[in-house]
Amino acid sequence: MNDIDILVIKKEEPPTSRITSIKNINVEVTSLGLNDALEALKP
Protein backbone atom coordinates (compact mmCIF):
# COMPACT_ATOMS: atom_id res chain seq x y z
CA MET A 1 0.00 0.00 0.00
CA ASN A 2 2.73 2.47 0.93
CA ASP A 3 4.60 1.85 -2.33
CA ILE A 4 1.44 2.52 -4.35
CA ASP A 5 0.70 5.72 -2.41
CA ILE A 6 4.26 6.96 -3.01
CA LEU A 7 3.99 6.29 -6.75
CA VAL A 8 0.72 8.17 -6.97
CA ILE A 9 2.03 11.13 -4.95
CA LYS A 10 5.05 11.45 -7.24
CA LYS A 11 2.88 11.19 -10.34
CA GLU A 12 0.27 13.79 -9.30
CA GLU A 13 1.34 17.36 -8.56
CA PRO A 14 -1.85 19.22 -7.50
CA PRO A 15 -2.76 18.39 -3.86
CA THR A 16 -6.44 17.78 -4.64
CA SER A 17 -5.58 15.40 -7.49
CA ARG A 18 -3.06 13.69 -5.23
CA ILE A 19 -5.68 12.97 -2.56
CA THR A 20 -8.25 11.78 -5.10
CA SER A 21 -5.76 9.49 -6.82
CA ILE A 22 -4.70 7.85 -3.56
CA LYS A 23 -8.35 7.23 -2.66
CA ASN A 24 -9.01 5.72 -6.09
CA ILE A 25 -5.99 3.42 -5.79
CA ASN A 26 -7.15 2.32 -2.34
CA VAL A 27 -10.56 1.45 -3.78
CA GLU A 28 -8.93 -0.52 -6.60
CA VAL A 29 -6.75 -2.45 -4.15
CA THR A 30 -9.81 -3.30 -2.06
CA SER A 31 -12.05 -4.35 -4.95
CA LEU A 32 -9.62 -5.95 -7.39
CA GLY A 33 -6.83 -7.18 -5.14
CA LEU A 34 -3.25 -5.94 -4.87
CA ASN A 35 -1.90 -7.71 -7.96
CA ASP A 36 -4.65 -6.37 -10.22
CA ALA A 37 -4.13 -2.84 -8.88
CA LEU A 38 -0.40 -3.07 -9.57
CA GLU A 39 -1.09 -4.28 -13.12
CA ALA A 40 -3.42 -1.31 -13.64
CA LEU A 41 -0.60 1.08 -12.72
CA LYS A 42 1.68 -0.25 -15.46
CA PRO A 43 1.87 1.89 -18.62
PDB file of N, CA and C in Angstrom:
ATOM      1  N   MET A   1       0.828  -1.207   0.000  1.00  0.00           N
ATOM      2  CA  MET A   1       0.000   0.000   0.000  1.00  0.00           C
ATOM      3  C   MET A   1       0.862   1.256   0.000  1.00  0.00           C
ATOM      4  N   ASN A   2       1.880   1.283   0.857  1.00  0.00           N
ATOM      5  CA  ASN A   2       2.728   2.471   0.933  1.00  0.00           C
ATOM      6  C   ASN A   2       3.428   2.723  -0.392  1.00  0.00           C
ATOM      7  N   ASP A   3       3.909   1.675  -1.054  1.00  0.00           N
ATOM      8  CA  ASP A   3       4.596   1.849  -2.333  1.00  0.00           C
ATOM      9  C   ASP A   3       3.651   2.454  -3.370  1.00  0.00           C
ATOM     10  N   ILE A   4       2.409   1.996  -3.389  1.00  0.00           N
ATOM     11  CA  ILE A   4       1.441   2.524  -4.351  1.00  0.00           C
ATOM     12  C   ILE A   4       1.160   3.997  -4.055  1.00  0.00           C
ATOM     13  N   ASP A   5       0.963   4.329  -2.779  1.00  0.00           N
ATOM     14  CA  ASP A   5       0.704   5.722  -2.412  1.00  0.00           C
ATOM     15  C   ASP A   5       1.854   6.621  -2.845  1.00  0.00           C
ATOM     16  N   ILE A   6       3.094   6.158  -2.634  1.00  0.00           N
ATOM     17  CA  ILE A   6       4.264   6.957  -3.011  1.00  0.00           C
ATOM     18  C   ILE A   6       4.281   7.179  -4.520  1.00  0.00           C
ATOM     19  N   LEU A   7       4.007   6.152  -5.298  1.00  0.00           N
ATOM     20  CA  LEU A   7       3.995   6.289  -6.753  1.00  0.00           C
ATOM     21  C   LEU A   7       2.950   7.311  -7.194  1.00  0.00           C
ATOM     22  N   VAL A   8       1.792   7.251  -6.589  1.00  0.00           N
ATOM     23  CA  VAL A   8       0.718   8.173  -6.966  1.00  0.00           C
ATOM     24  C   VAL A   8       1.086   9.602  -6.589  1.00  0.00           C
ATOM     25  N   ILE A   9       1.656   9.789  -5.404  1.00  0.00           N
ATOM     26  CA  ILE A   9       2.033  11.132  -4.952  1.00  0.00           C
ATOM     27  C   ILE A   9       3.070  11.734  -5.892  1.00  0.00           C
ATOM     28  N   LYS A  10       4.035  10.940  -6.336  1.00  0.00           N
ATOM     29  CA  LYS A  10       5.055  11.453  -7.242  1.00  0.00           C
ATOM     30  C   LYS A  10       4.464  11.771  -8.614  1.00  0.00           C
ATOM     31  N   LYS A  11       3.453  11.027  -9.010  1.00  0.00           N
ATOM     32  CA  LYS A  11       2.879  11.185 -10.344  1.00  0.00           C
ATOM     33  C   LYS A  11       1.958  12.406 -10.414  1.00  0.00           C
ATOM     34  N   GLU A  12       1.250  12.690  -9.324  1.00  0.00           N
ATOM     35  CA  GLU A  12       0.271  13.785  -9.302  1.00  0.00           C
ATOM     36  C   GLU A  12       0.848  14.986  -8.563  1.00  0.00           C
ATOM     37  N   GLU A  13       0.796  16.162  -9.194  1.00  0.00           N
ATOM     38  CA  GLU A  13       1.344  17.359  -8.564  1.00  0.00           C
ATOM     39  C   GLU A  13       0.316  18.155  -7.750  1.00  0.00           C
ATOM     40  N   PRO A  14      -0.879  18.442  -8.279  1.00  0.00           N
ATOM     41  CA  PRO A  14      -1.850  19.220  -7.495  1.00  0.00           C
ATOM     42  C   PRO A  14      -2.318  18.442  -6.263  1.00  0.00           C
ATOM     43  N   PRO A  15      -2.396  19.096  -5.100  1.00  0.00           N
ATOM     44  CA  PRO A  15      -2.760  18.392  -3.856  1.00  0.00           C
ATOM     45  C   PRO A  15      -4.128  17.722  -3.939  1.00  0.00           C
ATOM     46  N   THR A  16      -5.105  18.377  -4.566  1.00  0.00           N
ATOM     47  CA  THR A  16      -6.438  17.781  -4.643  1.00  0.00           C
ATOM     48  C   THR A  16      -6.411  16.525  -5.507  1.00  0.00           C
ATOM     49  N   SER A  17      -5.698  16.571  -6.623  1.00  0.00           N
ATOM     50  CA  SER A  17      -5.584  15.399  -7.487  1.00  0.00           C
ATOM     51  C   SER A  17      -4.842  14.281  -6.767  1.00  0.00           C
ATOM     52  N   ARG A  18      -3.842  14.667  -5.983  1.00  0.00           N
ATOM     53  CA  ARG A  18      -3.060  13.688  -5.230  1.00  0.00           C
ATOM     54  C   ARG A  18      -3.958  12.905  -4.282  1.00  0.00           C
ATOM     55  N   ILE A  19      -4.795  13.628  -3.530  1.00  0.00           N
ATOM     56  CA  ILE A  19      -5.679  12.971  -2.564  1.00  0.00           C
ATOM     57  C   ILE A  19      -6.679  12.071  -3.283  1.00  0.00           C
ATOM     58  N   THR A  20      -7.267  12.558  -4.355  1.00  0.00           N
ATOM     59  CA  THR A  20      -8.251  11.779  -5.104  1.00  0.00           C
ATOM     60  C   THR A  20      -7.623  10.512  -5.668  1.00  0.00           C
ATOM     61  N   SER A  21      -6.417  10.633  -6.209  1.00  0.00           N
ATOM     62  CA  SER A  21      -5.759   9.486  -6.825  1.00  0.00           C
ATOM     63  C   SER A  21      -5.462   8.413  -5.787  1.00  0.00           C
ATOM     64  N   ILE A  22      -4.995   8.829  -4.606  1.00  0.00           N
ATOM     65  CA  ILE A  22      -4.697   7.854  -3.556  1.00  0.00           C
ATOM     66  C   ILE A  22      -5.978   7.126  -3.150  1.00  0.00           C
ATOM     67  N   LYS A  23      -7.078   7.864  -3.020  1.00  0.00           N
ATOM     68  CA  LYS A  23      -8.348   7.232  -2.657  1.00  0.00           C
ATOM     69  C   LYS A  23      -8.775   6.242  -3.738  1.00  0.00           C
ATOM     70  N   ASN A  24      -8.620   6.612  -4.998  1.00  0.00           N
ATOM     71  CA  ASN A  24      -9.009   5.719  -6.090  1.00  0.00           C
ATOM     72  C   ASN A  24      -8.170   4.451  -6.085  1.00  0.00           C
ATOM     73  N   ILE A  25      -6.862   4.594  -5.852  1.00  0.00           N
ATOM     74  CA  ILE A  25      -5.990   3.418  -5.792  1.00  0.00           C
ATOM     75  C   ILE A  25      -6.410   2.523  -4.635  1.00  0.00           C
ATOM     76  N   ASN A  26      -6.722   3.116  -3.483  1.00  0.00           N
ATOM     77  CA  ASN A  26      -7.147   2.324  -2.335  1.00  0.00           C
ATOM     78  C   ASN A  26      -8.412   1.538  -2.659  1.00  0.00           C
ATOM     79  N   VAL A  27      -9.332   2.146  -3.382  1.00  0.00           N
ATOM     80  CA  VAL A  27     -10.561   1.453  -3.784  1.00  0.00           C
ATOM     81  C   VAL A  27     -10.225   0.299  -4.721  1.00  0.00           C
ATOM     82  N   GLU A  28      -9.307   0.543  -5.665  1.00  0.00           N
ATOM     83  CA  GLU A  28      -8.930  -0.519  -6.597  1.00  0.00           C
ATOM     84  C   GLU A  28      -8.295  -1.691  -5.855  1.00  0.00           C
ATOM     85  N   VAL A  29      -7.417  -1.390  -4.904  1.00  0.00           N
ATOM     86  CA  VAL A  29      -6.753  -2.453  -4.145  1.00  0.00           C
ATOM     87  C   VAL A  29      -7.787  -3.282  -3.395  1.00  0.00           C
ATOM     88  N   THR A  30      -8.786  -2.596  -2.831  1.00  0.00           N
ATOM     89  CA  THR A  30      -9.807  -3.297  -2.059  1.00  0.00           C
ATOM     90  C   THR A  30     -10.682  -4.170  -2.956  1.00  0.00           C
ATOM     91  N   SER A  31     -11.071  -3.654  -4.118  1.00  0.00           N
ATOM     92  CA  SER A  31     -12.054  -4.350  -4.946  1.00  0.00           C
ATOM     93  C   SER A  31     -11.414  -5.366  -5.887  1.00  0.00           C
ATOM     94  N   LEU A  32     -10.231  -5.075  -6.391  1.00  0.00           N
ATOM     95  CA  LEU A  32      -9.616  -5.947  -7.391  1.00  0.00           C
ATOM     96  C   LEU A  32      -8.539  -6.849  -6.803  1.00  0.00           C
ATOM     97  N   GLY A  33      -7.970  -6.448  -5.683  1.00  0.00           N
ATOM     98  CA  GLY A  33      -6.834  -7.185  -5.143  1.00  0.00           C
ATOM     99  C   GLY A  33      -5.540  -6.473  -5.499  1.00  0.00           C
ATOM    100  N   LEU A  34      -4.504  -6.679  -4.705  1.00  0.00           N
ATOM    101  CA  LEU A  34      -3.251  -5.936  -4.867  1.00  0.00           C
ATOM    102  C   LEU A  34      -2.614  -6.173  -6.224  1.00  0.00           C
ATOM    103  N   ASN A  35      -2.561  -7.414  -6.688  1.00  0.00           N
ATOM    104  CA  ASN A  35      -1.904  -7.712  -7.965  1.00  0.00           C
ATOM    105  C   ASN A  35      -2.592  -7.011  -9.129  1.00  0.00           C
ATOM    106  N   ASP A  36      -3.911  -7.030  -9.142  1.00  0.00           N
ATOM    107  CA  ASP A  36      -4.651  -6.367 -10.221  1.00  0.00           C
ATOM    108  C   ASP A  36      -4.421  -4.859 -10.188  1.00  0.00           C
ATOM    109  N   ALA A  37      -4.366  -4.283  -8.995  1.00  0.00           N
ATOM    110  CA  ALA A  37      -4.127  -2.843  -8.878  1.00  0.00           C
ATOM    111  C   ALA A  37      -2.737  -2.493  -9.397  1.00  0.00           C
ATOM    112  N   LEU A  38      -1.755  -3.321  -9.088  1.00  0.00           N
ATOM    113  CA  LEU A  38      -0.396  -3.071  -9.571  1.00  0.00           C
ATOM    114  C   LEU A  38      -0.348  -3.181 -11.089  1.00  0.00           C
ATOM    115  N   GLU A  39      -1.048  -4.143 -11.658  1.00  0.00           N
ATOM    116  CA  GLU A  39      -1.090  -4.282 -13.115  1.00  0.00           C
ATOM    117  C   GLU A  39      -1.718  -3.038 -13.748  1.00  0.00           C
ATOM    118  N   ALA A  40      -2.743  -2.488 -13.109  1.00  0.00           N
ATOM    119  CA  ALA A  40      -3.424  -1.309 -13.644  1.00  0.00           C
ATOM    120  C   ALA A  40      -2.504  -0.087 -13.660  1.00  0.00           C
ATOM    121  N   LEU A  41      -1.513  -0.069 -12.778  1.00  0.00           N
ATOM    122  CA  LEU A  41      -0.596   1.075 -12.716  1.00  0.00           C
ATOM    123  C   LEU A  41       0.450   1.035 -13.820  1.00  0.00           C
ATOM    124  N   LYS A  42       0.646  -0.134 -14.423  1.00  0.00           N
ATOM    125  CA  LYS A  42       1.678  -0.248 -15.464  1.00  0.00           C
ATOM    126  C   LYS A  42       1.249   0.495 -16.725  1.00  0.00           C
ATOM    127  N   PRO A  43       2.197   1.141 -17.397  1.00  0.00           N
ATOM    128  CA  PRO A  43       1.869   1.889 -18.619  1.00  0.00           C
ATOM    129  C   PRO A  43       1.364   0.982 -19.737  1.00  0.00           C
TER     130      PRO A  43
END
